[in-house]
């Protein structure tokens, strides 16, 4: 009985630690404006504004064309009128206002 209890506690602790290690923030909205001057700036209808620097590609495992791919996806969303969900690396990022201090992990193109 004690061994089973220890196993349950161990599994619970592992699950809790893996959840905390992968904390992030996701914000959903429609793209209203895009600006690119080497840095990609995206405005949402929710008031969220974020930037993606090409230098972030060098520090990320997603590859050297990451910022170009995110720009293409944001442009597709804006043209098609579909919403997107931006995922920030940090947990607790506000989904409104300018979030230039928070790095973007990636972008989902939503079906509607």
N, C-alpha and C. Protein backbone atom coordinates (compact mmCIF):
# COMPACT_ATOMS: atom_id res chain seq x y z
N UNK A 1 0.82 -1.19 0.00
CA UNK A 1 0.00 0.00 0.00
C UNK A 1 0.86 1.26 0.00
N UNK A 2 1.94 1.26 0.79
CA UNK A 2 2.83 2.42 0.85
C UNK A 2 3.54 2.62 -0.48
N UNK A 3 3.93 1.53 -1.14
CA UNK A 3 4.60 1.63 -2.44
C UNK A 3 3.67 2.25 -3.47
N UNK A 4 2.42 1.85 -3.44
CA UNK A 4 1.44 2.41 -4.39
C UNK A 4 1.23 3.90 -4.12
N UNK A 5 1.13 4.28 -2.86
CA UNK A 5 0.99 5.69 -2.49
C UNK A 5 2.19 6.50 -2.96
N UNK A 6 3.40 5.98 -2.77
CA UNK A 6 4.61 6.67 -3.22
C UNK A 6 4.61 6.84 -4.74
N UNK A 7 4.14 5.82 -5.45
CA UNK A 7 4.07 5.91 -6.92
C UNK A 7 3.11 7.00 -7.36
N UNK A 8 1.98 7.09 -6.68
CA UNK A 8 0.99 8.11 -7.02
C UNK A 8 1.56 9.50 -6.75
N UNK A 9 2.23 9.66 -5.62
CA UNK A 9 2.84 10.94 -5.28
C UNK A 9 3.93 11.30 -6.29
N UNK A 10 4.75 10.33 -6.67
CA UNK A 10 5.83 10.59 -7.63
C UNK A 10 5.27 11.02 -8.98
N UNK A 11 4.24 10.33 -9.45
CA UNK A 11 3.63 10.68 -10.74
C UNK A 11 3.01 12.07 -10.65
N UNK A 12 2.35 12.38 -9.55
CA UNK A 12 1.74 13.71 -9.38
C UNK A 12 2.79 14.80 -9.41
N UNK A 13 3.91 14.58 -8.74
CA UNK A 13 4.99 15.58 -8.74
C UNK A 13 5.59 15.75 -10.13
N UNK A 14 5.78 14.66 -10.85
CA UNK A 14 6.32 14.76 -12.21
C UNK A 14 5.38 15.52 -13.13
N UNK A 15 4.10 15.26 -13.01
CA UNK A 15 3.13 15.97 -13.86
C UNK A 15 3.09 17.45 -13.51
N UNK A 16 3.16 17.78 -12.25
CA UNK A 16 3.14 19.18 -11.84
C UNK A 16 4.39 19.91 -12.30
N UNK A 17 5.54 19.27 -12.21
CA UNK A 17 6.78 19.93 -12.62
C UNK A 17 6.85 20.10 -14.12
N UNK A 18 6.32 19.16 -14.90
CA UNK A 18 6.36 19.31 -16.35
C UNK A 18 5.42 20.40 -16.81
N UNK A 19 4.30 20.59 -16.14
CA UNK A 19 3.37 21.67 -16.49
C UNK A 19 4.01 23.02 -16.21
N UNK A 20 4.66 23.17 -15.09
CA UNK A 20 5.28 24.43 -14.74
C UNK A 20 6.45 24.75 -15.66
N UNK A 21 7.15 23.74 -16.12
CA UNK A 21 8.31 23.96 -16.98
C UNK A 21 7.91 24.44 -18.37
N UNK A 22 6.68 24.18 -18.77
CA UNK A 22 6.24 24.55 -20.11
C UNK A 22 5.19 25.65 -20.06
N UNK A 23 5.30 26.54 -19.11
CA UNK A 23 4.32 27.63 -19.00
C UNK A 23 4.53 28.61 -20.15
N UNK A 24 3.43 29.08 -20.71
CA UNK A 24 3.45 30.06 -21.79
C UNK A 24 2.12 30.79 -21.78
N UNK A 25 1.98 31.78 -22.63
CA UNK A 25 0.73 32.53 -22.75
C UNK A 25 0.28 32.51 -24.20
N UNK A 26 -1.00 32.29 -24.43
CA UNK A 26 -1.57 32.36 -25.77
C UNK A 26 -2.63 33.45 -25.82
N UNK A 27 -2.58 34.26 -26.87
CA UNK A 27 -3.53 35.35 -27.07
C UNK A 27 -4.13 35.21 -28.47
N UNK A 28 -5.44 35.28 -28.58
CA UNK A 28 -6.13 35.11 -29.85
C UNK A 28 -6.79 36.42 -30.28
N UNK A 29 -6.74 36.69 -31.57
CA UNK A 29 -7.39 37.87 -32.13
C UNK A 29 -7.25 37.90 -33.63
N UNK A 30 -7.78 38.94 -34.24
CA UNK A 30 -7.65 39.14 -35.68
C UNK A 30 -6.56 40.16 -35.95
N UNK A 31 -5.76 39.91 -36.95
CA UNK A 31 -4.68 40.81 -37.33
C UNK A 31 -5.27 42.01 -38.05
N UNK A 32 -4.96 43.22 -37.57
CA UNK A 32 -5.48 44.43 -38.21
C UNK A 32 -4.42 45.18 -38.99
N UNK A 33 -3.16 45.06 -38.59
CA UNK A 33 -2.06 45.74 -39.27
C UNK A 33 -0.79 44.91 -39.14
N UNK A 34 0.06 45.02 -40.14
CA UNK A 34 1.39 44.39 -40.10
C UNK A 34 2.39 45.39 -40.63
N UNK A 35 3.49 45.51 -39.94
CA UNK A 35 4.60 46.37 -40.38
C UNK A 35 5.85 45.53 -40.37
N UNK A 36 6.65 45.63 -41.43
CA UNK A 36 7.91 44.90 -41.46
C UNK A 36 8.99 45.80 -42.03
N UNK A 37 10.02 46.02 -41.22
CA UNK A 37 11.20 46.76 -41.65
C UNK A 37 12.44 45.96 -41.28
N UNK A 38 12.30 44.66 -41.37
CA UNK A 38 13.32 43.75 -40.86
C UNK A 38 12.83 43.14 -39.57
N UNK A 39 12.06 43.91 -38.84
CA UNK A 39 11.34 43.44 -37.66
C UNK A 39 9.87 43.37 -38.03
N UNK A 40 9.20 42.30 -37.64
CA UNK A 40 7.78 42.16 -37.92
C UNK A 40 6.98 42.67 -36.73
N UNK A 41 6.09 43.63 -36.99
CA UNK A 41 5.17 44.16 -35.98
C UNK A 41 3.77 43.75 -36.36
N UNK A 42 3.02 43.23 -35.41
CA UNK A 42 1.65 42.76 -35.68
C UNK A 42 0.70 43.40 -34.67
N UNK A 43 -0.39 43.98 -35.18
CA UNK A 43 -1.44 44.58 -34.35
C UNK A 43 -2.67 43.68 -34.41
N UNK A 44 -3.31 43.46 -33.26
CA UNK A 44 -4.54 42.68 -33.15
C UNK A 44 -5.72 43.60 -32.89
N UNK A 45 -6.91 43.13 -33.20
CA UNK A 45 -8.12 43.88 -32.89
C UNK A 45 -8.38 43.95 -31.38
N UNK A 46 -7.68 43.18 -30.60
CA UNK A 46 -7.81 43.20 -29.14
C UNK A 46 -6.94 44.26 -28.49
N UNK A 47 -6.12 44.96 -29.29
CA UNK A 47 -5.21 45.96 -28.75
C UNK A 47 -3.80 45.42 -28.54
N UNK A 48 -3.60 44.15 -28.75
CA UNK A 48 -2.28 43.54 -28.60
C UNK A 48 -1.37 43.96 -29.74
N UNK A 49 -0.15 44.35 -29.41
CA UNK A 49 0.88 44.66 -30.41
C UNK A 49 2.14 43.92 -29.99
N UNK A 50 2.75 43.21 -30.92
CA UNK A 50 3.99 42.52 -30.59
C UNK A 50 4.95 42.57 -31.77
N UNK A 51 6.21 42.42 -31.47
CA UNK A 51 7.24 42.46 -32.50
C UNK A 51 8.06 41.19 -32.49
N UNK A 52 8.56 40.83 -33.67
CA UNK A 52 9.40 39.65 -33.81
C UNK A 52 10.66 40.06 -34.55
N UNK A 53 11.79 39.93 -33.89
CA UNK A 53 13.07 40.35 -34.46
C UNK A 53 13.74 39.18 -35.16
N UNK A 54 14.32 39.41 -36.33
CA UNK A 54 15.03 38.33 -37.04
C UNK A 54 16.17 37.74 -36.21
N UNK A 55 16.76 38.54 -35.33
CA UNK A 55 17.84 38.03 -34.49
C UNK A 55 17.35 36.93 -33.55
N UNK A 56 16.03 36.91 -33.27
CA UNK A 56 15.47 35.85 -32.43
C UNK A 56 15.64 34.49 -33.09
N UNK A 57 15.71 34.45 -34.42
CA UNK A 57 15.89 33.19 -35.14
C UNK A 57 17.19 32.51 -34.74
N UNK A 58 18.22 33.29 -34.52
CA UNK A 58 19.52 32.73 -34.20
C UNK A 58 19.54 32.11 -32.82
N UNK A 59 18.63 32.54 -31.94
CA UNK A 59 18.61 32.06 -30.57
C UNK A 59 17.51 31.02 -30.34
N UNK A 60 16.86 30.59 -31.37
CA UNK A 60 15.73 29.70 -31.20
C UNK A 60 15.94 28.43 -32.01
N UNK A 61 15.41 27.34 -31.52
CA UNK A 61 15.57 26.05 -32.18
C UNK A 61 14.69 25.89 -33.41
N UNK A 62 13.81 26.85 -33.66
CA UNK A 62 12.87 26.71 -34.77
C UNK A 62 13.47 27.01 -36.14
N UNK A 63 14.69 27.49 -36.19
CA UNK A 63 15.34 27.68 -37.47
C UNK A 63 15.48 29.12 -37.89
N UNK A 64 16.27 29.33 -38.93
CA UNK A 64 16.64 30.67 -39.36
C UNK A 64 15.51 31.42 -40.05
N UNK A 65 14.50 30.75 -40.57
CA UNK A 65 13.41 31.42 -41.28
C UNK A 65 12.16 31.59 -40.43
N UNK A 66 12.30 31.46 -39.14
CA UNK A 66 11.17 31.53 -38.23
C UNK A 66 10.40 32.84 -38.37
N UNK A 67 11.09 33.98 -38.36
CA UNK A 67 10.39 35.27 -38.43
C UNK A 67 9.70 35.43 -39.78
N UNK A 68 10.29 34.93 -40.86
CA UNK A 68 9.65 35.00 -42.18
C UNK A 68 8.38 34.14 -42.21
N UNK A 69 8.45 32.98 -41.59
CA UNK A 69 7.30 32.09 -41.57
C UNK A 69 6.15 32.69 -40.76
N UNK A 70 6.47 33.32 -39.64
CA UNK A 70 5.43 33.95 -38.82
C UNK A 70 4.83 35.15 -39.56
N UNK A 71 5.66 35.91 -40.26
CA UNK A 71 5.16 37.03 -41.08
C UNK A 71 4.20 36.51 -42.15
N UNK A 72 4.55 35.42 -42.81
CA UNK A 72 3.69 34.84 -43.85
C UNK A 72 2.36 34.38 -43.27
N UNK A 73 2.40 33.77 -42.10
CA UNK A 73 1.18 33.29 -41.46
C UNK A 73 0.29 34.44 -41.00
N UNK A 74 0.89 35.49 -40.45
CA UNK A 74 0.12 36.66 -40.03
C UNK A 74 -0.52 37.35 -41.24
N UNK A 75 0.21 37.43 -42.34
CA UNK A 75 -0.32 38.04 -43.56
C UNK A 75 -1.48 37.21 -44.11
N UNK A 76 -1.34 35.89 -44.10
CA UNK A 76 -2.41 35.01 -44.55
C UNK A 76 -3.66 35.21 -43.70
N UNK A 77 -3.48 35.33 -42.39
CA UNK A 77 -4.62 35.54 -41.50
C UNK A 77 -5.32 36.86 -41.80
N UNK A 78 -4.53 37.89 -42.02
CA UNK A 78 -5.12 39.21 -42.27
C UNK A 78 -5.90 39.22 -43.59
N UNK A 79 -5.33 38.64 -44.62
CA UNK A 79 -5.98 38.62 -45.94
C UNK A 79 -7.23 37.75 -45.94
N UNK A 80 -7.18 36.62 -45.23
CA UNK A 80 -8.31 35.69 -45.23
C UNK A 80 -9.37 36.01 -44.17
N UNK A 81 -9.05 36.93 -43.25
CA UNK A 81 -9.99 37.28 -42.19
C UNK A 81 -10.08 36.26 -41.08
N UNK A 82 -9.13 35.34 -41.02
CA UNK A 82 -9.12 34.31 -39.98
C UNK A 82 -8.35 34.81 -38.76
N UNK A 83 -8.74 34.35 -37.61
CA UNK A 83 -8.03 34.74 -36.39
C UNK A 83 -6.75 33.93 -36.24
N UNK A 84 -5.86 34.46 -35.43
CA UNK A 84 -4.62 33.75 -35.11
C UNK A 84 -4.46 33.73 -33.59
N UNK A 85 -3.67 32.81 -33.14
CA UNK A 85 -3.30 32.73 -31.73
C UNK A 85 -1.79 32.82 -31.66
N UNK A 86 -1.30 33.86 -30.98
CA UNK A 86 0.13 34.03 -30.80
C UNK A 86 0.51 33.40 -29.47
N UNK A 87 1.60 32.63 -29.47
CA UNK A 87 2.08 32.01 -28.25
C UNK A 87 3.37 32.71 -27.83
N UNK A 88 3.34 33.28 -26.63
CA UNK A 88 4.51 33.92 -26.05
C UNK A 88 5.27 32.89 -25.21
N UNK A 89 6.57 33.01 -25.16
CA UNK A 89 7.39 32.08 -24.38
C UNK A 89 7.08 32.20 -22.89
N UNK A 90 6.84 33.40 -22.41
CA UNK A 90 6.62 33.63 -20.98
C UNK A 90 5.17 33.39 -20.58
N UNK A 91 4.98 33.03 -19.34
CA UNK A 91 3.66 32.86 -18.76
C UNK A 91 3.19 34.21 -18.19
N UNK A 92 1.91 34.48 -18.27
CA UNK A 92 1.35 35.68 -17.67
C UNK A 92 1.46 36.95 -18.49
N UNK A 93 1.73 36.84 -19.79
CA UNK A 93 1.80 38.01 -20.67
C UNK A 93 0.39 38.54 -20.89
N UNK A 94 0.23 39.86 -20.83
CA UNK A 94 -1.07 40.48 -21.08
C UNK A 94 -1.43 40.36 -22.55
N UNK A 95 -2.69 40.09 -22.82
CA UNK A 95 -3.16 39.95 -24.21
C UNK A 95 -3.64 41.27 -24.78
N UNK A 96 -3.22 42.38 -24.19
CA UNK A 96 -3.50 43.69 -24.75
C UNK A 96 -2.29 44.58 -24.52
N UNK A 97 -2.21 45.65 -25.27
CA UNK A 97 -1.07 46.56 -25.13
C UNK A 97 0.16 46.07 -25.88
N UNK A 98 1.20 46.84 -25.79
CA UNK A 98 2.44 46.54 -26.51
C UNK A 98 3.27 45.54 -25.71
N UNK A 99 3.57 44.42 -26.32
CA UNK A 99 4.28 43.33 -25.65
C UNK A 99 5.63 43.07 -26.32
N UNK A 100 6.40 44.12 -26.51
CA UNK A 100 7.68 43.99 -27.21
C UNK A 100 8.76 43.34 -26.36
N UNK A 101 8.59 43.33 -25.05
CA UNK A 101 9.59 42.73 -24.18
C UNK A 101 9.43 41.21 -24.07
N UNK A 102 8.37 40.68 -24.63
CA UNK A 102 8.09 39.25 -24.53
C UNK A 102 8.32 38.57 -25.88
N UNK A 103 9.12 37.52 -25.86
CA UNK A 103 9.43 36.82 -27.10
C UNK A 103 8.27 35.93 -27.54
N UNK A 104 8.07 35.90 -28.86
CA UNK A 104 7.01 35.10 -29.46
C UNK A 104 7.58 33.72 -29.78
N UNK A 105 6.85 32.69 -29.37
CA UNK A 105 7.25 31.32 -29.63
C UNK A 105 6.77 30.90 -31.01
N UNK A 106 5.51 31.22 -31.32
CA UNK A 106 4.96 30.83 -32.60
C UNK A 106 3.56 31.40 -32.79
N UNK A 107 2.94 31.01 -33.89
CA UNK A 107 1.65 31.55 -34.27
C UNK A 107 0.78 30.44 -34.85
N UNK A 108 -0.46 30.35 -34.38
CA UNK A 108 -1.45 29.44 -34.93
C UNK A 108 -2.34 30.20 -35.88
N UNK A 109 -2.68 29.62 -37.02
CA UNK A 109 -3.71 30.14 -37.91
C UNK A 109 -4.97 29.35 -37.59
N UNK A 110 -5.99 30.02 -37.05
CA UNK A 110 -7.22 29.35 -36.63
C UNK A 110 -8.17 29.15 -37.80
N UNK A 111 -9.04 28.18 -37.69
CA UNK A 111 -9.95 27.85 -38.78
C UNK A 111 -11.04 28.89 -38.96
N UNK A 112 -11.39 29.60 -37.93
CA UNK A 112 -12.41 30.63 -38.04
C UNK A 112 -11.98 31.89 -37.36
